Amino acid sequence: MRAGAAAGFFWRKPMLFLLIFCFTVLPVLELMLLIELGRAIGTWPPILLVLGTGVAGAFFAKTQGLFLFQRILEELRRGNMPAREMISGLCVLLGGILLLTPGLLTDLTGIILLLPPTQRLVVGLVRRWLAAKINSTGFYFRYYGPEDPGSGPWEDDRW
């Protein structure tokens, strides 16, 4: 197998590449960073930093998660789909998980995901990605007619 073919294999299988990165490369980078930081400033500050970001991450994820849950309920009461709040909630969940994961790179990424400007950026990216998917493949759904919501004839609509 050629060297270029091996590299192309990973890019054609993005989930495999992501899993290998998350479970092998990222922990090694985190460990190297913690060791070097421990050498530079001592052993206890990095340990306390990792423990502190874990506790802070759990607190912030809980408070922001409850706030977003209230916003989701408000949108549902108004009859609106809370898409923006749900994507922000995903950012909060992922940020909280990353803050609970020991390591400085994951902590930094988790803090960035908990910031509202980052959440707005992610919402915009997801909206553009979904719009491109819908425009390229079409969107097809079925619904019941208003006369018989339980078992009426199907009406089809294509976007």
Protein backbone atom coordinates (compact mmCIF):
# COMPACT_ATOMS: atom_id res chain seq x y z
CA MET A 1 0.00 0.00 0.00
CA ARG A 2 1.32 3.44 -0.88
CA ALA A 3 1.89 6.01 1.87
CA GLY A 4 -0.60 8.38 0.25
CA ALA A 5 -3.23 5.66 0.13
CA ALA A 6 -2.89 5.06 3.87
CA ALA A 7 -3.37 8.77 4.57
CA GLY A 8 -6.39 8.87 2.25
CA PHE A 9 -7.96 5.98 4.18
CA PHE A 10 -8.30 8.11 7.32
CA TRP A 11 -9.84 11.06 5.51
CA ARG A 12 -12.45 8.85 3.83
CA LYS A 13 -13.42 7.42 7.23
CA PRO A 14 -13.87 10.58 9.34
CA MET A 15 -15.43 8.80 12.33
CA LEU A 16 -12.52 6.35 12.55
CA PHE A 17 -10.08 9.24 12.34
CA LEU A 18 -11.99 11.13 15.06
CA LEU A 19 -12.03 8.11 17.38
CA ILE A 20 -8.32 7.46 16.90
CA PHE A 21 -7.60 11.12 17.57
CA CYS A 22 -9.80 11.33 20.68
CA PHE A 23 -8.60 8.12 22.30
CA THR A 24 -4.91 8.05 21.37
CA VAL A 25 -3.50 11.35 20.16
CA LEU A 26 -5.40 13.73 22.46
CA PRO A 27 -4.60 11.87 25.73
CA VAL A 28 -0.90 11.76 24.80
CA LEU A 29 -0.92 15.51 24.07
CA GLU A 30 -2.73 16.21 27.35
CA LEU A 31 -0.27 14.08 29.31
CA MET A 32 2.73 15.75 27.68
CA LEU A 33 1.32 19.19 28.43
CA LEU A 34 0.62 18.33 32.08
CA ILE A 35 4.12 16.86 32.53
CA GLU A 36 5.79 19.93 31.02
CA LEU A 37 3.62 22.27 33.09
CA GLY A 38 4.47 20.25 36.20
CA ARG A 39 8.16 20.61 35.44
CA ALA A 40 7.82 24.35 34.92
CA ILE A 41 5.67 25.32 37.94
CA GLY A 42 5.66 22.27 40.18
CA THR A 43 3.43 19.26 40.68
CA TRP A 44 0.54 20.63 42.71
CA PRO A 45 -0.58 23.64 40.61
CA PRO A 46 -1.45 21.53 37.53
CA ILE A 47 -3.23 18.96 39.72
CA LEU A 48 -5.25 21.70 41.45
CA LEU A 49 -5.94 23.34 38.08
CA VAL A 50 -7.35 20.10 36.64
CA LEU A 51 -9.46 19.47 39.76
CA GLY A 52 -10.65 23.09 39.85
CA THR A 53 -11.70 23.14 36.21
CA GLY A 54 -13.58 19.87 36.76
CA VAL A 55 -15.57 21.35 39.65
CA ALA A 56 -16.11 24.66 37.86
CA GLY A 57 -17.15 22.83 34.69
CA ALA A 58 -19.75 20.81 36.54
CA PHE A 59 -21.13 23.97 38.17
CA PHE A 60 -21.25 26.04 34.99
CA ALA A 61 -22.69 23.22 32.91
CA LYS A 62 -25.43 22.70 35.50
CA THR A 63 -26.36 26.39 35.78
CA GLN A 64 -26.27 27.03 32.03
CA GLY A 65 -28.10 23.77 31.38
CA LEU A 66 -30.93 24.79 33.75
CA PHE A 67 -31.08 28.24 32.14
CA LEU A 68 -31.32 26.70 28.66
CA PHE A 69 -33.95 24.23 29.86
CA GLN A 70 -36.09 27.17 30.99
CA ARG A 71 -35.61 28.88 27.61
CA ILE A 72 -36.59 25.66 25.81
CA LEU A 73 -39.77 25.43 27.89
CA GLU A 74 -40.60 29.09 27.15
CA GLU A 75 -40.18 28.55 23.40
CA LEU A 76 -42.35 25.42 23.52
CA ARG A 77 -45.06 27.29 25.45
CA ARG A 78 -45.05 29.93 22.71
CA GLY A 79 -45.44 27.19 20.11
CA ASN A 80 -41.96 27.71 18.64
CA MET A 81 -39.37 25.07 17.90
CA PRO A 82 -36.43 25.70 20.28
CA ALA A 83 -33.75 24.77 17.74
CA ARG A 84 -31.28 27.48 18.75
CA GLU A 85 -31.62 26.59 22.43
CA MET A 86 -31.20 22.89 21.71
CA ILE A 87 -27.95 23.45 19.81
CA SER A 88 -26.73 25.72 22.61
CA GLY A 89 -27.67 22.97 25.05
CA LEU A 90 -25.54 20.55 23.05
CA CYS A 91 -22.63 23.00 23.33
CA VAL A 92 -23.16 23.23 27.10
CA LEU A 93 -23.32 19.44 27.42
CA LEU A 94 -20.18 18.94 25.35
CA GLY A 95 -18.39 21.78 27.18
CA GLY A 96 -19.28 20.28 30.55
CA ILE A 97 -18.05 16.85 29.50
CA LEU A 98 -14.79 18.36 28.24
CA LEU A 99 -14.31 20.30 31.49
CA LEU A 100 -14.81 17.14 33.51
CA THR A 101 -12.22 15.34 31.38
CA PRO A 102 -8.76 15.82 32.92
CA GLY A 103 -6.44 17.86 30.77
CA LEU A 104 -5.70 21.44 29.83
CA LEU A 105 -6.60 21.29 26.12
CA THR A 106 -9.99 19.72 26.85
CA ASP A 107 -10.56 22.28 29.62
CA LEU A 108 -9.82 25.16 27.28
CA THR A 109 -12.14 23.72 24.62
CA GLY A 110 -14.86 23.16 27.24
CA ILE A 111 -14.63 26.74 28.50
CA ILE A 112 -14.83 28.05 24.94
CA LEU A 113 -17.98 25.96 24.29
CA LEU A 114 -19.65 27.36 27.43
CA LEU A 115 -19.30 30.96 26.20
CA PRO A 116 -22.48 32.37 24.59
CA PRO A 117 -20.65 33.94 21.60
CA THR A 118 -19.22 30.53 20.74
CA GLN A 119 -22.67 28.98 21.06
CA ARG A 120 -24.08 31.58 18.65
CA LEU A 121 -21.27 30.77 16.21
CA VAL A 122 -22.01 27.03 16.46
CA VAL A 123 -25.74 27.67 15.94
CA GLY A 124 -24.94 29.63 12.78
CA LEU A 125 -22.63 26.90 11.49
CA VAL A 126 -25.20 24.17 12.14
CA ARG A 127 -27.94 26.21 10.44
CA ARG A 128 -25.78 26.75 7.33
CA TRP A 129 -24.81 23.07 7.27
CA LEU A 130 -28.43 21.93 7.56
CA ALA A 131 -29.55 24.42 4.90
CA ALA A 132 -26.88 23.11 2.53
CA LYS A 133 -27.92 19.50 3.24
CA ILE A 134 -31.60 20.30 2.64
CA ASN A 135 -30.83 22.21 -0.57
CA SER A 136 -28.60 19.48 -1.95
CA THR A 137 -30.72 16.44 -1.06
CA GLY A 138 -34.20 17.85 -0.60
CA PHE A 139 -36.41 17.57 2.41
CA TYR A 140 -39.36 15.26 2.40
CA PHE A 141 -41.94 14.85 5.13
CA ARG A 142 -45.41 13.44 5.58
CA TYR A 143 -48.25 14.62 7.71
CA TYR A 144 -51.84 13.76 8.39
CA GLY A 145 -54.55 16.00 7.02
CA PRO A 146 -56.42 18.17 9.53
CA GLU A 147 -59.68 16.25 9.00
CA ASP A 148 -58.36 13.02 10.56
CA PRO A 149 -55.19 13.43 12.61
CA GLY A 150 -55.09 9.76 13.65
CA SER A 151 -55.32 7.64 10.53
CA GLY A 152 -56.27 9.82 7.58
CA PRO A 153 -54.81 9.71 4.10
CA TRP A 154 -51.21 10.76 3.74
CA GLU A 155 -50.38 14.02 2.06
CA ASP A 156 -46.90 14.41 0.71
CA ASP A 157 -44.92 17.59 0.40
CA ARG A 158 -41.45 18.11 -1.02
CA TRP A 159 -39.22 21.07 -0.22
